[in-house]
């Protein structure tokens, strides 16, 4: 498990990881995208 976390950390520090992080932040700030994410979470939450 520690190896997997280390790989994630390395990716987050890489230029591609930084770009991905920025894209996710922008998408999270968009109200329409946020509503889509909440709708999806509600949909999957009901399937327990």
PDB file of N, CA and C in Angstrom:
ATOM      1  N   UNK A   1       0.831  -1.201   0.000  1.00  0.00           N
ATOM      2  CA  UNK A   1       0.000   0.000   0.000  1.00  0.00           C
ATOM      3  C   UNK A   1       0.864   1.249   0.000  1.00  0.00           C
ATOM      4  N   UNK A   2       1.975   1.201   0.723  1.00  0.00           N
ATOM      5  CA  UNK A   2       2.854   2.375   0.780  1.00  0.00           C
ATOM      6  C   UNK A   2       3.406   2.702  -0.606  1.00  0.00           C
ATOM      7  N   UNK A   3       3.669   1.672  -1.403  1.00  0.00           N
ATOM      8  CA  UNK A   3       4.178   1.894  -2.751  1.00  0.00           C
ATOM      9  C   UNK A   3       3.178   2.644  -3.619  1.00  0.00           C
ATOM     10  N   UNK A   4       1.928   2.312  -3.456  1.00  0.00           N
ATOM     11  CA  UNK A   4       0.881   2.967  -4.234  1.00  0.00           C
ATOM     12  C   UNK A   4       0.770   4.439  -3.841  1.00  0.00           C
ATOM     13  N   UNK A   5       0.812   4.719  -2.548  1.00  0.00           N
ATOM     14  CA  UNK A   5       0.733   6.109  -2.094  1.00  0.00           C
ATOM     15  C   UNK A   5       1.937   6.910  -2.590  1.00  0.00           C
ATOM     16  N   UNK A   6       3.092   6.291  -2.606  1.00  0.00           N
ATOM     17  CA  UNK A   6       4.290   6.981  -3.099  1.00  0.00           C
ATOM     18  C   UNK A   6       4.156   7.324  -4.579  1.00  0.00           C
ATOM     19  N   UNK A   7       3.584   6.403  -5.350  1.00  0.00           N
ATOM     20  CA  UNK A   7       3.367   6.674  -6.779  1.00  0.00           C
ATOM     21  C   UNK A   7       2.397   7.827  -6.976  1.00  0.00           C
ATOM     22  N   UNK A   8       1.351   7.865  -6.160  1.00  0.00           N
ATOM     23  CA  UNK A   8       0.374   8.957  -6.254  1.00  0.00           C
ATOM     24  C   UNK A   8       1.047  10.286  -5.917  1.00  0.00           C
ATOM     25  N   UNK A   9       1.876  10.286  -4.894  1.00  0.00           N
ATOM     26  CA  UNK A   9       2.595  11.512  -4.513  1.00  0.00           C
ATOM     27  C   UNK A   9       3.516  11.971  -5.644  1.00  0.00           C
ATOM     28  N   UNK A  10       4.222  11.034  -6.249  1.00  0.00           N
ATOM     29  CA  UNK A  10       5.122  11.386  -7.346  1.00  0.00           C
ATOM     30  C   UNK A  10       4.337  11.968  -8.517  1.00  0.00           C
ATOM     31  N   UNK A  11       3.191  11.368  -8.827  1.00  0.00           N
ATOM     32  CA  UNK A  11       2.375  11.882  -9.920  1.00  0.00           C
ATOM     33  C   UNK A  11       1.891  13.290  -9.606  1.00  0.00           C
ATOM     34  N   UNK A  12       1.458  13.512  -8.371  1.00  0.00           N
ATOM     35  CA  UNK A  12       0.945  14.831  -7.985  1.00  0.00           C
ATOM     36  C   UNK A  12       2.013  15.907  -8.112  1.00  0.00           C
ATOM     37  N   UNK A  13       3.260  15.532  -7.917  1.00  0.00           N
ATOM     38  CA  UNK A  13       4.362  16.504  -8.020  1.00  0.00           C
ATOM     39  C   UNK A  13       4.832  16.724  -9.450  1.00  0.00           C
ATOM     40  N   UNK A  14       4.463  15.836 -10.355  1.00  0.00           N
ATOM     41  CA  UNK A  14       4.917  15.940 -11.739  1.00  0.00           C
ATOM     42  C   UNK A  14       4.142  17.043 -12.467  1.00  0.00           C
ATOM     43  N   UNK A  15       4.680  17.529 -13.581  1.00  0.00           N
ATOM     44  CA  UNK A  15       3.959  18.552 -14.361  1.00  0.00           C
ATOM     45  C   UNK A  15       2.569  18.078 -14.804  1.00  0.00           C
ATOM     46  N   UNK A  16       2.470  16.823 -15.218  1.00  0.00           N
ATOM     47  CA  UNK A  16       1.167  16.303 -15.641  1.00  0.00           C
ATOM     48  C   UNK A  16       0.205  16.250 -14.453  1.00  0.00           C
ATOM     49  N   UNK A  17       0.698  15.862 -13.303  1.00  0.00           N
ATOM     50  CA  UNK A  17      -0.137  15.816 -12.105  1.00  0.00           C
ATOM     51  C   UNK A  17      -0.615  17.196 -11.699  1.00  0.00           C
ATOM     52  N   UNK A  18       0.262  18.181 -11.828  1.00  0.00           N
ATOM     53  CA  UNK A  18      -0.130  19.561 -11.506  1.00  0.00           C
ATOM     54  C   UNK A  18      -1.202  20.071 -12.460  1.00  0.00           C
ATOM     55  N   UNK A  19      -1.072  19.734 -13.747  1.00  0.00           N
ATOM     56  CA  UNK A  19      -2.090  20.131 -14.725  1.00  0.00           C
ATOM     57  C   UNK A  19      -3.429  19.472 -14.396  1.00  0.00           C
ATOM     58  N   UNK A  20      -3.378  18.182 -14.078  1.00  0.00           N
ATOM     59  CA  UNK A  20      -4.594  17.454 -13.747  1.00  0.00           C
ATOM     60  C   UNK A  20      -5.259  18.044 -12.512  1.00  0.00           C
ATOM     61  N   UNK A  21      -4.458  18.352 -11.508  1.00  0.00           N
ATOM     62  CA  UNK A  21      -4.988  18.955 -10.280  1.00  0.00           C
ATOM     63  C   UNK A  21      -5.667  20.283 -10.585  1.00  0.00           C
ATOM     64  N   UNK A  22      -5.052  21.085 -11.420  1.00  0.00           N
ATOM     65  CA  UNK A  22      -5.640  22.382 -11.769  1.00  0.00           C
ATOM     66  C   UNK A  22      -6.946  22.211 -12.541  1.00  0.00           C
ATOM     67  N   UNK A  23      -6.998  21.232 -13.435  1.00  0.00           N
ATOM     68  CA  UNK A  23      -8.227  20.974 -14.183  1.00  0.00           C
ATOM     69  C   UNK A  23      -9.352  20.554 -13.239  1.00  0.00           C
ATOM     70  N   UNK A  24      -9.029  19.721 -12.271  1.00  0.00           N
ATOM     71  CA  UNK A  24     -10.034  19.267 -11.305  1.00  0.00           C
ATOM     72  C   UNK A  24     -10.523  20.438 -10.464  1.00  0.00           C
ATOM     73  N   UNK A  25      -9.614  21.308 -10.067  1.00  0.00           N
ATOM     74  CA  UNK A  25     -10.024  22.484  -9.278  1.00  0.00           C
ATOM     75  C   UNK A  25     -10.965  23.381 -10.070  1.00  0.00           C
ATOM     76  N   UNK A  26     -10.645  23.592 -11.343  1.00  0.00           N
ATOM     77  CA  UNK A  26     -11.516  24.428 -12.169  1.00  0.00           C
ATOM     78  C   UNK A  26     -12.879  23.780 -12.362  1.00  0.00           C
ATOM     79  N   UNK A  27     -12.899  22.473 -12.575  1.00  0.00           N
ATOM     80  CA  UNK A  27     -14.171  21.772 -12.753  1.00  0.00           C
ATOM     81  C   UNK A  27     -14.999  21.825 -11.473  1.00  0.00           C
ATOM     82  N   UNK A  28     -14.339  21.719 -10.324  1.00  0.00           N
ATOM     83  CA  UNK A  28     -15.060  21.756  -9.047  1.00  0.00           C
ATOM     84  C   UNK A  28     -15.637  23.141  -8.778  1.00  0.00           C
ATOM     85  N   UNK A  29     -15.021  24.164  -9.319  1.00  0.00           N
ATOM     86  CA  UNK A  29     -15.506  25.526  -9.108  1.00  0.00           C
ATOM     87  C   UNK A  29     -16.699  25.864 -10.011  1.00  0.00           C
ATOM     88  N   UNK A  30     -16.905  25.075 -11.071  1.00  0.00           N
ATOM     89  CA  UNK A  30     -18.001  25.307 -12.008  1.00  0.00           C
ATOM     90  C   UNK A  30     -19.310  24.780 -11.407  1.00  0.00           C
ATOM     91  N   UNK A  31     -20.291  25.640 -11.194  1.00  0.00           N
ATOM     92  CA  UNK A  31     -21.548  25.203 -10.565  1.00  0.00           C
ATOM     93  C   UNK A  31     -22.254  24.066 -11.317  1.00  0.00           C
ATOM     94  N   UNK A  32     -22.189  24.083 -12.628  1.00  0.00           N
ATOM     95  CA  UNK A  32     -22.847  23.033 -13.415  1.00  0.00           C
ATOM     96  C   UNK A  32     -22.164  21.682 -13.185  1.00  0.00           C
ATOM     97  N   UNK A  33     -20.841  21.683 -13.183  1.00  0.00           N
ATOM     98  CA  UNK A  33     -20.095  20.446 -12.935  1.00  0.00           C
ATOM     99  C   UNK A  33     -20.331  19.939 -11.505  1.00  0.00           C
ATOM    100  N   UNK A  34     -20.394  20.879 -10.571  1.00  0.00           N
ATOM    101  CA  UNK A  34     -20.635  20.500  -9.174  1.00  0.00           C
ATOM    102  C   UNK A  34     -21.998  19.822  -9.037  1.00  0.00           C
ATOM    103  N   UNK A  35     -23.006  20.365  -9.720  1.00  0.00           N
ATOM    104  CA  UNK A  35     -24.343  19.774  -9.679  1.00  0.00           C
ATOM    105  C   UNK A  35     -24.330  18.380 -10.304  1.00  0.00           C
ATOM    106  N   UNK A  36     -23.587  18.200 -11.387  1.00  0.00           N
ATOM    107  CA  UNK A  36     -23.495  16.882 -12.014  1.00  0.00           C
ATOM    108  C   UNK A  36     -22.856  15.882 -11.057  1.00  0.00           C
ATOM    109  N   UNK A  37     -21.803  16.295 -10.365  1.00  0.00           N
ATOM    110  CA  UNK A  37     -21.114  15.409  -9.432  1.00  0.00           C
ATOM    111  C   UNK A  37     -22.026  15.037  -8.272  1.00  0.00           C
ATOM    112  N   UNK A  38     -22.765  16.001  -7.745  1.00  0.00           N
ATOM    113  CA  UNK A  38     -23.684  15.716  -6.638  1.00  0.00           C
ATOM    114  C   UNK A  38     -24.790  14.767  -7.082  1.00  0.00           C
ATOM    115  N   UNK A  39     -25.278  14.954  -8.282  1.00  0.00           N
ATOM    116  CA  UNK A  39     -26.320  14.075  -8.804  1.00  0.00           C
ATOM    117  C   UNK A  39     -25.785  12.645  -8.936  1.00  0.00           C
ATOM    118  N   UNK A  40     -24.575  12.497  -9.434  1.00  0.00           N
ATOM    119  CA  UNK A  40     -23.988  11.178  -9.588  1.00  0.00           C
ATOM    120  C   UNK A  40     -23.778  10.511  -8.226  1.00  0.00           C
ATOM    121  N   UNK A  41     -23.314  11.286  -7.238  1.00  0.00           N
ATOM    122  CA  UNK A  41     -23.118  10.721  -5.902  1.00  0.00           C
ATOM    123  C   UNK A  41     -24.438  10.262  -5.294  1.00  0.00           C
ATOM    124  N   UNK A  42     -25.494  11.032  -5.484  1.00  0.00           N
ATOM    125  CA  UNK A  42     -26.800  10.627  -4.982  1.00  0.00           C
ATOM    126  C   UNK A  42     -27.251   9.335  -5.670  1.00  0.00           C
ATOM    127  N   UNK A  43     -27.021   9.267  -6.966  1.00  0.00           N
ATOM    128  CA  UNK A  43     -27.439   8.101  -7.736  1.00  0.00           C
ATOM    129  C   UNK A  43     -26.724   6.843  -7.246  1.00  0.00           C
ATOM    130  N   UNK A  44     -25.414   6.920  -7.037  1.00  0.00           N
ATOM    131  CA  UNK A  44     -24.650   5.765  -6.591  1.00  0.00           C
ATOM    132  C   UNK A  44     -24.868   5.483  -5.114  1.00  0.00           C
ATOM    133  N   UNK A  45     -25.203   6.496  -4.343  1.00  0.00           N
ATOM    134  CA  UNK A  45     -25.450   6.303  -2.921  1.00  0.00           C
ATOM    135  C   UNK A  45     -26.695   5.489  -2.636  1.00  0.00           C
ATOM    136  N   UNK A  46     -27.641   5.501  -3.548  1.00  0.00           N
ATOM    137  CA  UNK A  46     -28.903   4.778  -3.352  1.00  0.00           C
ATOM    138  C   UNK A  46     -28.762   3.290  -3.642  1.00  0.00           C
ATOM    139  N   UNK A  47     -27.670   2.874  -4.250  1.00  0.00           N
ATOM    140  CA  UNK A  47     -27.524   1.475  -4.688  1.00  0.00           C
ATOM    141  C   UNK A  47     -26.918   0.557  -3.629  1.00  0.00           C
ATOM    142  N   UNK A  48     -26.946   0.915  -2.397  1.00  0.00           N
ATOM    143  CA  UNK A  48     -26.356   0.068  -1.347  1.00  0.00           C
ATOM    144  C   UNK A  48     -27.077  -1.199  -1.262  1.00  0.00           C
TER     145      UNK A  48
END
